[in-house]
Protein backbone atom coordinates (compact mmCIF):
# COMPACT_ATOMS: atom_id res chain seq x y z
CA MET A 1 110.62 -9.57 -36.98
CA LYS A 2 109.67 -12.76 -39.22
CA LYS A 3 106.66 -13.19 -41.49
CA THR A 4 104.87 -16.38 -41.59
CA ASP A 5 101.60 -17.40 -43.14
CA ASN A 6 100.71 -17.80 -39.38
CA GLY A 7 101.41 -14.15 -38.67
CA ILE A 8 104.87 -13.01 -36.59
CA ARG A 9 106.41 -14.91 -34.93
CA PHE A 10 109.73 -13.04 -33.29
CA GLU A 11 113.10 -14.44 -33.78
CA THR A 12 116.42 -14.39 -31.80
CA HIS A 13 119.68 -15.36 -32.51
CA VAL A 14 121.30 -15.56 -29.37
CA SER A 15 124.37 -17.05 -29.15
CA LEU A 16 125.45 -20.03 -26.88
CA ASN A 17 128.67 -17.82 -26.18
CA GLU A 18 125.72 -15.36 -24.27
CA VAL A 19 124.24 -17.78 -21.73
CA MET A 20 126.29 -20.29 -21.26
CA GLN A 21 128.01 -20.98 -18.16
CA ARG A 22 131.40 -21.72 -19.17
CA ASN A 23 134.53 -23.60 -17.15
CA PRO A 24 131.79 -26.77 -16.28
CA THR A 25 132.37 -28.99 -13.13
CA THR A 26 134.17 -31.98 -15.11
CA ILE A 27 135.56 -35.25 -13.21
CA SER A 28 137.12 -37.73 -15.25
CA SER A 29 136.21 -41.25 -15.85
CA GLY A 30 137.77 -43.82 -12.96
CA ALA A 31 136.93 -40.82 -10.52
CA ASN A 32 133.76 -41.87 -7.57
CA VAL A 33 131.48 -41.38 -7.65
CA ALA A 34 132.10 -39.40 -3.73
CA LYS A 35 134.59 -36.80 -5.67
CA ALA A 36 131.90 -36.16 -7.61
CA ALA A 37 129.57 -35.28 -5.65
CA ALA A 38 131.70 -33.51 -2.99
CA ALA A 39 132.95 -31.51 -6.64
CA MET A 40 129.07 -30.51 -7.15
CA CYS A 41 129.12 -29.90 -3.71
CA HIS A 42 131.86 -27.58 -4.17
CA ASP A 43 130.61 -25.54 -7.19
CA ASP A 44 126.99 -25.59 -6.41
CA VAL A 45 126.20 -27.66 -9.39
CA GLY A 46 123.93 -30.33 -10.06
CA SER A 47 126.26 -32.40 -12.63
CA CYS A 48 129.59 -32.82 -13.26
CA ILE A 49 130.92 -34.40 -16.90
CA VAL A 50 132.80 -36.62 -17.27
CA LEU A 51 135.87 -36.88 -19.31
CA GLN A 52 137.69 -38.85 -21.02
CA ARG A 53 141.42 -38.28 -21.91
CA ASN A 54 140.41 -34.50 -21.68
CA LEU A 55 137.30 -35.47 -23.79
CA PRO A 56 133.73 -35.30 -22.93
CA VAL A 57 131.82 -38.53 -22.70
CA GLY A 58 129.10 -38.80 -20.58
CA ILE A 59 127.83 -36.58 -17.95
CA VAL A 60 126.59 -37.62 -13.80
CA THR A 61 123.51 -35.47 -12.65
CA GLU A 62 122.53 -35.49 -8.64
CA GLN A 63 119.84 -37.82 -10.47
CA ASP A 64 122.46 -40.25 -10.70
CA ILE A 65 123.74 -40.23 -7.59
CA ASN A 66 120.24 -40.87 -5.35
CA CYS A 67 118.77 -43.26 -7.92
CA LYS A 68 121.74 -44.98 -8.98
CA VAL A 69 123.70 -45.25 -5.82
CA VAL A 70 121.94 -43.77 -2.84
CA ALA A 71 118.45 -45.76 -3.35
CA ARG A 72 120.24 -48.78 -4.00
CA ASP A 73 122.31 -48.34 -1.01
CA LEU A 74 125.55 -48.59 -2.36
CA LYS A 75 129.08 -46.53 -0.94
CA PRO A 76 130.09 -44.05 -3.18
CA SER A 77 133.74 -44.57 -2.42
CA THR A 78 133.23 -47.53 -4.31
CA VAL A 79 131.29 -46.61 -7.64
CA HIS A 80 132.82 -44.90 -9.85
CA VAL A 81 131.28 -42.41 -11.94
CA ASN A 82 132.07 -44.07 -15.15
CA GLU A 83 129.42 -47.18 -13.70
CA ILE A 84 126.46 -44.21 -13.03
CA MET A 85 127.23 -41.56 -16.24
CA SER A 86 124.53 -40.75 -18.43
CA THR A 87 125.89 -41.78 -21.77
CA PRO A 88 126.18 -41.06 -25.08
CA LEU A 89 126.55 -37.55 -24.45
CA ILE A 90 124.47 -35.21 -26.11
CA THR A 91 126.39 -32.07 -26.76
CA VAL A 92 125.93 -28.79 -28.75
CA SER A 93 128.48 -26.47 -30.65
CA ALA A 94 129.81 -23.63 -28.75
CA ASP A 95 128.27 -22.00 -33.13
CA LYS A 96 124.62 -22.68 -31.96
CA THR A 97 121.72 -20.78 -31.20
CA VAL A 98 119.98 -20.75 -28.18
CA GLY A 99 117.17 -21.81 -29.92
CA ASP A 100 118.78 -24.92 -31.20
CA ALA A 101 120.20 -25.85 -28.09
CA ALA A 102 116.17 -25.70 -26.48
CA GLN A 103 115.28 -28.21 -29.72
CA MET A 104 117.49 -30.13 -29.33
CA MET A 105 117.26 -30.84 -25.67
CA VAL A 106 113.49 -31.22 -26.09
CA LYS A 107 114.40 -33.92 -29.08
CA HIS A 108 116.69 -36.28 -26.73
CA ARG A 109 114.86 -35.27 -23.54
CA VAL A 110 117.66 -34.11 -21.34
CA ARG A 111 118.26 -30.56 -19.28
CA ARG A 112 121.78 -29.87 -19.55
CA LEU A 113 123.69 -29.90 -22.84
CA PRO A 114 127.55 -29.30 -22.64
CA VAL A 115 129.08 -26.73 -25.01
CA VAL A 116 132.10 -27.64 -26.75
CA ASP A 117 134.78 -25.95 -29.25
CA GLU A 118 135.43 -28.06 -32.53
CA LYS A 119 138.25 -30.20 -31.07
CA LYS A 120 135.01 -31.42 -29.55
CA LYS A 121 136.60 -29.76 -26.20
CA VAL A 122 134.12 -29.00 -23.28
CA ILE A 123 133.84 -25.49 -22.74
CA GLY A 124 130.88 -24.90 -21.09
CA ILE A 125 127.52 -25.69 -20.09
CA VAL A 126 123.58 -24.96 -20.91
CA THR A 127 120.84 -25.74 -18.45
CA VAL A 128 117.23 -25.48 -19.08
CA ARG A 129 117.57 -22.87 -16.74
CA ASP A 130 119.93 -20.52 -18.78
CA LEU A 131 117.22 -21.05 -21.83
CA LEU A 132 114.45 -20.09 -19.34
CA THR A 133 116.32 -16.98 -18.24
CA VAL A 134 116.62 -15.86 -22.12
CA SER A 135 112.86 -16.21 -22.75
CA ASN A 136 111.67 -14.73 -19.93
CA GLU A 137 114.11 -11.46 -20.85
CA LEU A 138 112.77 -11.60 -24.28
CA ASN A 139 109.04 -12.04 -22.54
CA GLU A 140 109.73 -9.36 -20.71
CA LEU A 141 111.44 -7.01 -24.09
CA MET A 142 108.70 -7.93 -26.05
CA ALA A 143 105.67 -6.65 -23.03
CA ASP A 144 107.09 -3.59 -22.92
CA LEU A 145 107.50 -3.44 -26.51
CA ILE A 146 103.35 -4.10 -26.75
CA GLU A 147 102.62 -1.85 -23.92
CA ILE A 148 104.23 0.86 -25.98
CA ASN A 149 102.30 0.13 -29.05
CA ARG A 150 99.68 -0.42 -27.60
CA GLU A 151 99.05 3.99 -26.23
CA GLU A 152 98.78 3.90 -30.46
CA ILE A 153 95.84 1.72 -31.09
CA VAL A 154 93.25 4.21 -32.64
CA ASP A 155 89.82 2.31 -32.36
CA MET A 156 86.18 2.52 -32.10
CA GLY A 157 83.60 2.51 -29.25
CA MET A 158 82.46 4.30 -26.09
CA CYS A 159 85.11 6.66 -24.02
CA ASN A 160 86.02 5.91 -20.24
CA ARG A 161 86.21 8.94 -19.64
CA CYS A 162 83.16 10.97 -20.61
CA SER A 163 81.37 8.07 -22.33
CA GLN A 164 81.02 9.18 -25.55
CA MET A 165 80.90 7.15 -28.91
CA SER A 166 83.82 7.78 -30.96
CA ASP A 167 85.66 6.24 -34.22
CA ASP A 168 89.14 7.69 -32.69
CA LEU A 169 89.62 6.02 -29.28
CA LYS A 170 93.17 5.95 -28.46
CA ARG A 171 94.49 4.18 -25.09
CA MET A 172 96.40 5.83 -22.80
CA ASP A 173 97.78 4.53 -19.47
CA ASN A 174 95.44 1.24 -19.66
CA VAL A 175 92.65 3.90 -20.52
CA MET A 176 90.29 4.66 -23.83
CA LEU A 177 89.91 7.56 -24.38
CA CYS A 178 88.27 10.54 -27.80
CA PRO A 179 89.85 13.38 -29.07
CA ARG A 180 88.56 15.11 -26.53
CA CYS A 181 88.94 14.04 -23.40
CA ARG A 182 92.80 13.94 -24.08
CA GLU A 183 92.74 17.75 -25.26
CA GLU A 184 90.84 18.28 -21.89
CA GLU A 185 94.09 16.40 -20.49
CA ASN A 186 96.89 17.91 -22.44
CA ILE A 187 97.23 14.52 -24.28
CA THR A 188 97.00 14.44 -28.31
């Protein structure tokens, strides 16, 4: 956690290596859309990274196929992926964090980022869904930490058990108890 002027900010430095999907679906820039669609179906994914000389040059998504091929009533086997791919390709290096990737996605308005090594070769892909999974896990962890600390909060008010005013209430199992009621419950 980091103290800022606006309060406390929870910081994480989760590496993309920990959340990225390895060995993403790739396809040659000269391949046709039918082959790309078959590869996506086989791997049960929504995109193919387009490679030219083993380096990423673009990405083809289900939406690209639907909007640029199917909606135009074109035959997928006659259209090449390099004609419909999204380019230039926005990539992220493997040494970046989940936060870095999220900022890049927002800035470039993309939902998928190929992860590249120092030689610019594709080693993985990270999606919005991957980042949300990490976010959900952190939210659950924070909720648990809040619940643990909530039991330690001392407050003034009325005891939920005996209805007497007290300046030493503690929340126990979501009930505010005075010292006497805590003692009766054998809770100190």
